[in-house]
Amino acid sequence: RVRKAELVAYEDLGPEAVRRLEVEDFPAVVCIDTLGNNLYEEGRAKFARTDRG
């Protein structure tokens, strides 16, 4: 659950504004890290077939 939400920037964007969230018991999967690595793409590449026969 979200315990606290703090507006950080772009208040005029309403629900699209940037907010800092404090959460508790909030399971989440981070799919793209700060280096741009994408978990979904890496998973597909790992199990992609290389032979087409």
PDB file of N, CA and C in Angstrom:
ATOM      1  N   ARG A   1       0.841  -1.182   0.000  1.00  0.00           N
ATOM      2  CA  ARG A   1       0.000   0.000   0.000  1.00  0.00           C
ATOM      3  C   ARG A   1       0.881   1.239   0.000  1.00  0.00           C
ATOM      4  N   VAL A   2       0.360   2.313  -0.535  1.00  0.00           N
ATOM      5  CA  VAL A   2       1.082   3.584  -0.567  1.00  0.00           C
ATOM      6  C   VAL A   2       0.845   4.285   0.760  1.00  0.00           C
ATOM      7  N   ARG A   3       1.925   4.558   1.468  1.00  0.00           N
ATOM      8  CA  ARG A   3       1.820   5.230   2.769  1.00  0.00           C
ATOM      9  C   ARG A   3       1.898   6.745   2.630  1.00  0.00           C
ATOM     10  N   LYS A   4       2.663   7.205   1.632  1.00  0.00           N
ATOM     11  CA  LYS A   4       2.863   8.645   1.482  1.00  0.00           C
ATOM     12  C   LYS A   4       3.169   8.944   0.015  1.00  0.00           C
ATOM     13  N   ALA A   5       2.612  10.036  -0.501  1.00  0.00           N
ATOM     14  CA  ALA A   5       2.896  10.494  -1.860  1.00  0.00           C
ATOM     15  C   ALA A   5       3.264  11.968  -1.791  1.00  0.00           C
ATOM     16  N   GLU A   6       4.424  12.304  -2.329  1.00  0.00           N
ATOM     17  CA  GLU A   6       4.909  13.688  -2.295  1.00  0.00           C
ATOM     18  C   GLU A   6       5.130  14.171  -3.725  1.00  0.00           C
ATOM     19  N   LEU A   7       4.546  15.307  -4.073  1.00  0.00           N
ATOM     20  CA  LEU A   7       4.722  15.891  -5.390  1.00  0.00           C
ATOM     21  C   LEU A   7       6.153  16.396  -5.532  1.00  0.00           C
ATOM     22  N   VAL A   8       6.822  15.985  -6.595  1.00  0.00           N
ATOM     23  CA  VAL A   8       8.215  16.377  -6.813  1.00  0.00           C
ATOM     24  C   VAL A   8       8.327  17.412  -7.927  1.00  0.00           C
ATOM     25  N   ALA A   9       7.602  17.203  -9.034  1.00  0.00           N
ATOM     26  CA  ALA A   9       7.716  18.124 -10.168  1.00  0.00           C
ATOM     27  C   ALA A   9       6.498  18.026 -11.079  1.00  0.00           C
ATOM     28  N   TYR A  10       6.285  19.044 -11.892  1.00  0.00           N
ATOM     29  CA  TYR A  10       5.248  19.084 -12.924  1.00  0.00           C
ATOM     30  C   TYR A  10       3.829  18.918 -12.376  1.00  0.00           C
ATOM     31  N   GLU A  11       3.511  19.690 -11.361  1.00  0.00           N
ATOM     32  CA  GLU A  11       2.178  19.629 -10.750  1.00  0.00           C
ATOM     33  C   GLU A  11       1.073  19.849 -11.776  1.00  0.00           C
ATOM     34  N   ASP A  12       1.349  20.688 -12.787  1.00  0.00           N
ATOM     35  CA  ASP A  12       0.340  20.995 -13.795  1.00  0.00           C
ATOM     36  C   ASP A  12      -0.063  19.780 -14.632  1.00  0.00           C
ATOM     37  N   LEU A  13       0.692  18.700 -14.559  1.00  0.00           N
ATOM     38  CA  LEU A  13       0.365  17.490 -15.318  1.00  0.00           C
ATOM     39  C   LEU A  13      -0.620  16.576 -14.593  1.00  0.00           C
ATOM     40  N   GLY A  14      -1.035  16.973 -13.410  1.00  0.00           N
ATOM     41  CA  GLY A  14      -2.028  16.194 -12.665  1.00  0.00           C
ATOM     42  C   GLY A  14      -1.539  14.786 -12.360  1.00  0.00           C
ATOM     43  N   PRO A  15      -2.268  13.759 -12.825  1.00  0.00           N
ATOM     44  CA  PRO A  15      -1.879  12.381 -12.510  1.00  0.00           C
ATOM     45  C   PRO A  15      -0.558  11.963 -13.161  1.00  0.00           C
ATOM     46  N   GLU A  16      -0.087  12.720 -14.155  1.00  0.00           N
ATOM     47  CA  GLU A  16       1.186  12.413 -14.822  1.00  0.00           C
ATOM     48  C   GLU A  16       2.366  13.095 -14.126  1.00  0.00           C
ATOM     49  N   ALA A  17       2.122  13.855 -13.075  1.00  0.00           N
ATOM     50  CA  ALA A  17       3.184  14.559 -12.350  1.00  0.00           C
ATOM     51  C   ALA A  17       4.170  13.560 -11.743  1.00  0.00           C
ATOM     52  N   VAL A  18       5.360  14.044 -11.443  1.00  0.00           N
ATOM     53  CA  VAL A  18       6.381  13.198 -10.816  1.00  0.00           C
ATOM     54  C   VAL A  18       6.160  13.226  -9.311  1.00  0.00           C
ATOM     55  N   ARG A  19       6.043  12.038  -8.723  1.00  0.00           N
ATOM     56  CA  ARG A  19       5.806  11.928  -7.283  1.00  0.00           C
ATOM     57  C   ARG A  19       6.791  10.963  -6.650  1.00  0.00           C
ATOM     58  N   ARG A  20       7.124  11.224  -5.412  1.00  0.00           N
ATOM     59  CA  ARG A  20       7.939  10.303  -4.608  1.00  0.00           C
ATOM     60  C   ARG A  20       6.958   9.519  -3.745  1.00  0.00           C
ATOM     61  N   LEU A  21       7.023   8.193  -3.844  1.00  0.00           N
ATOM     62  CA  LEU A  21       6.098   7.347  -3.097  1.00  0.00           C
ATOM     63  C   LEU A  21       6.814   6.603  -1.987  1.00  0.00           C
ATOM     64  N   GLU A  22       6.185   6.536  -0.835  1.00  0.00           N
ATOM     65  CA  GLU A  22       6.641   5.683   0.262  1.00  0.00           C
ATOM     66  C   GLU A  22       5.625   4.549   0.348  1.00  0.00           C
ATOM     67  N   VAL A  23       6.105   3.317   0.179  1.00  0.00           N
ATOM     68  CA  VAL A  23       5.194   2.173   0.136  1.00  0.00           C
ATOM     69  C   VAL A  23       5.548   1.139   1.194  1.00  0.00           C
ATOM     70  N   GLU A  24       4.581   0.283   1.478  1.00  0.00           N
ATOM     71  CA  GLU A  24       4.767  -0.809   2.436  1.00  0.00           C
ATOM     72  C   GLU A  24       4.066  -2.038   1.868  1.00  0.00           C
ATOM     73  N   ASP A  25       4.736  -3.194   1.935  1.00  0.00           N
ATOM     74  CA  ASP A  25       4.162  -4.435   1.401  1.00  0.00           C
ATOM     75  C   ASP A  25       3.653  -4.225  -0.021  1.00  0.00           C
ATOM     76  N   PHE A  26       4.534  -3.748  -0.872  1.00  0.00           N
ATOM     77  CA  PHE A  26       4.182  -3.407  -2.250  1.00  0.00           C
ATOM     78  C   PHE A  26       5.085  -4.190  -3.192  1.00  0.00           C
ATOM     79  N   PRO A  27       4.680  -5.419  -3.546  1.00  0.00           N
ATOM     80  CA  PRO A  27       5.524  -6.215  -4.443  1.00  0.00           C
ATOM     81  C   PRO A  27       5.591  -5.570  -5.828  1.00  0.00           C
ATOM     82  N   ALA A  28       6.784  -5.460  -6.361  1.00  0.00           N
ATOM     83  CA  ALA A  28       6.966  -4.848  -7.675  1.00  0.00           C
ATOM     84  C   ALA A  28       8.171  -5.475  -8.365  1.00  0.00           C
ATOM     85  N   VAL A  29       8.146  -5.470  -9.683  1.00  0.00           N
ATOM     86  CA  VAL A  29       9.275  -5.939 -10.480  1.00  0.00           C
ATOM     87  C   VAL A  29       9.797  -4.741 -11.255  1.00  0.00           C
ATOM     88  N   VAL A  30      11.076  -4.452 -11.104  1.00  0.00           N
ATOM     89  CA  VAL A  30      11.702  -3.366 -11.854  1.00  0.00           C
ATOM     90  C   VAL A  30      12.252  -3.967 -13.138  1.00  0.00           C
ATOM     91  N   CYS A  31      11.684  -3.578 -14.266  1.00  0.00           N
ATOM     92  CA  CYS A  31      12.044  -4.201 -15.542  1.00  0.00           C
ATOM     93  C   CYS A  31      13.137  -3.460 -16.292  1.00  0.00           C
ATOM     94  N   ILE A  32      13.314  -2.175 -16.022  1.00  0.00           N
ATOM     95  CA  ILE A  32      14.369  -1.403 -16.675  1.00  0.00           C
ATOM     96  C   ILE A  32      15.169  -0.713 -15.585  1.00  0.00           C
ATOM     97  N   ASP A  33      16.489  -0.977 -15.562  1.00  0.00           N
ATOM     98  CA  ASP A  33      17.323  -0.392 -14.518  1.00  0.00           C
ATOM     99  C   ASP A  33      17.917   0.946 -14.957  1.00  0.00           C
ATOM    100  N   THR A  34      18.742   1.541 -14.113  1.00  0.00           N
ATOM    101  CA  THR A  34      19.307   2.865 -14.384  1.00  0.00           C
ATOM    102  C   THR A  34      20.293   2.870 -15.539  1.00  0.00           C
ATOM    103  N   LEU A  35      20.727   1.699 -15.986  1.00  0.00           N
ATOM    104  CA  LEU A  35      21.644   1.604 -17.124  1.00  0.00           C
ATOM    105  C   LEU A  35      20.908   1.293 -18.424  1.00  0.00           C
ATOM    106  N   GLY A  36      19.584   1.201 -18.359  1.00  0.00           N
ATOM    107  CA  GLY A  36      18.788   0.933 -19.547  1.00  0.00           C
ATOM    108  C   GLY A  36      18.623  -0.539 -19.869  1.00  0.00           C
ATOM    109  N   ASN A  37      19.105  -1.423 -19.007  1.00  0.00           N
ATOM    110  CA  ASN A  37      18.922  -2.857 -19.226  1.00  0.00           C
ATOM    111  C   ASN A  37      17.454  -3.202 -19.038  1.00  0.00           C
ATOM    112  N   ASN A  38      16.916  -4.017 -19.947  1.00  0.00           N
ATOM    113  CA  ASN A  38      15.495  -4.344 -19.944  1.00  0.00           C
ATOM    114  C   ASN A  38      15.317  -5.826 -19.649  1.00  0.00           C
ATOM    115  N   LEU A  39      14.720  -6.148 -18.517  1.00  0.00           N
ATOM    116  CA  LEU A  39      14.530  -7.528 -18.086  1.00  0.00           C
ATOM    117  C   LEU A  39      13.716  -8.335 -19.094  1.00  0.00           C
ATOM    118  N   TYR A  40      12.687  -7.747 -19.684  1.00  0.00           N
ATOM    119  CA  TYR A  40      11.866  -8.463 -20.658  1.00  0.00           C
ATOM    120  C   TYR A  40      12.679  -8.832 -21.899  1.00  0.00           C
ATOM    121  N   GLU A  41      13.459  -7.882 -22.428  1.00  0.00           N
ATOM    122  CA  GLU A  41      14.271  -8.163 -23.612  1.00  0.00           C
ATOM    123  C   GLU A  41      15.337  -9.206 -23.313  1.00  0.00           C
ATOM    124  N   GLU A  42      15.973  -9.117 -22.157  1.00  0.00           N
ATOM    125  CA  GLU A  42      17.003 -10.087 -21.792  1.00  0.00           C
ATOM    126  C   GLU A  42      16.413 -11.485 -21.667  1.00  0.00           C
ATOM    127  N   GLY A  43      15.222 -11.596 -21.113  1.00  0.00           N
ATOM    128  CA  GLY A  43      14.569 -12.894 -20.976  1.00  0.00           C
ATOM    129  C   GLY A  43      14.227 -13.505 -22.320  1.00  0.00           C
ATOM    130  N   ARG A  44      13.689 -12.696 -23.227  1.00  0.00           N
ATOM    131  CA  ARG A  44      13.361 -13.207 -24.564  1.00  0.00           C
ATOM    132  C   ARG A  44      14.616 -13.649 -25.295  1.00  0.00           C
ATOM    133  N   ALA A  45      15.690 -12.860 -25.200  1.00  0.00           N
ATOM    134  CA  ALA A  45      16.942 -13.201 -25.881  1.00  0.00           C
ATOM    135  C   ALA A  45      17.532 -14.493 -25.322  1.00  0.00           C
ATOM    136  N   LYS A  46      17.420 -14.690 -24.041  1.00  0.00           N
ATOM    137  CA  LYS A  46      17.992 -15.875 -23.401  1.00  0.00           C
ATOM    138  C   LYS A  46      17.335 -17.158 -23.908  1.00  0.00           C
ATOM    139  N   PHE A  47      16.047 -17.105 -24.183  1.00  0.00           N
ATOM    140  CA  PHE A  47      15.320 -18.308 -24.580  1.00  0.00           C
ATOM    141  C   PHE A  47      14.921 -18.326 -26.055  1.00  0.00           C
ATOM    142  N   ALA A  48      15.439 -17.373 -26.831  1.00  0.00           N
ATOM    143  CA  ALA A  48      15.112 -17.322 -28.256  1.00  0.00           C
ATOM    144  C   ALA A  48      15.739 -18.505 -28.985  1.00  0.00           C
ATOM    145  N   ARG A  49      15.024 -19.010 -29.956  1.00  0.00           N
ATOM    146  CA  ARG A  49      15.555 -20.103 -30.771  1.00  0.00           C
ATOM    147  C   ARG A  49      16.504 -19.522 -31.801  1.00  0.00           C
ATOM    148  N   THR A  50      17.620 -20.177 -31.980  1.00  0.00           N
ATOM    149  CA  THR A  50      18.582 -19.724 -32.981  1.00  0.00           C
ATOM    150  C   THR A  50      18.428 -20.499 -34.284  1.00  0.00           C
ATOM    151  N   ASP A  51      17.819 -21.681 -34.229  1.00  0.00           N
ATOM    152  CA  ASP A  51      17.594 -22.464 -35.445  1.00  0.00           C
ATOM    153  C   ASP A  51      16.144 -22.279 -35.893  1.00  0.00           C
ATOM    154  N   ARG A  52      15.934 -22.231 -37.147  1.00  0.00           N
ATOM    155  CA  ARG A  52      14.577 -22.038 -37.685  1.00  0.00           C
ATOM    156  C   ARG A  52      14.072 -23.308 -38.370  1.00  0.00           C
ATOM    157  N   GLY A  53      14.606 -24.442 -37.980  1.00  0.00           N
ATOM    158  CA  GLY A  53      14.216 -25.663 -38.655  1.00  0.00           C
ATOM    159  C   GLY A  53      13.513 -26.557 -37.797  1.00  0.00           C
TER     160      GLY A  53
END
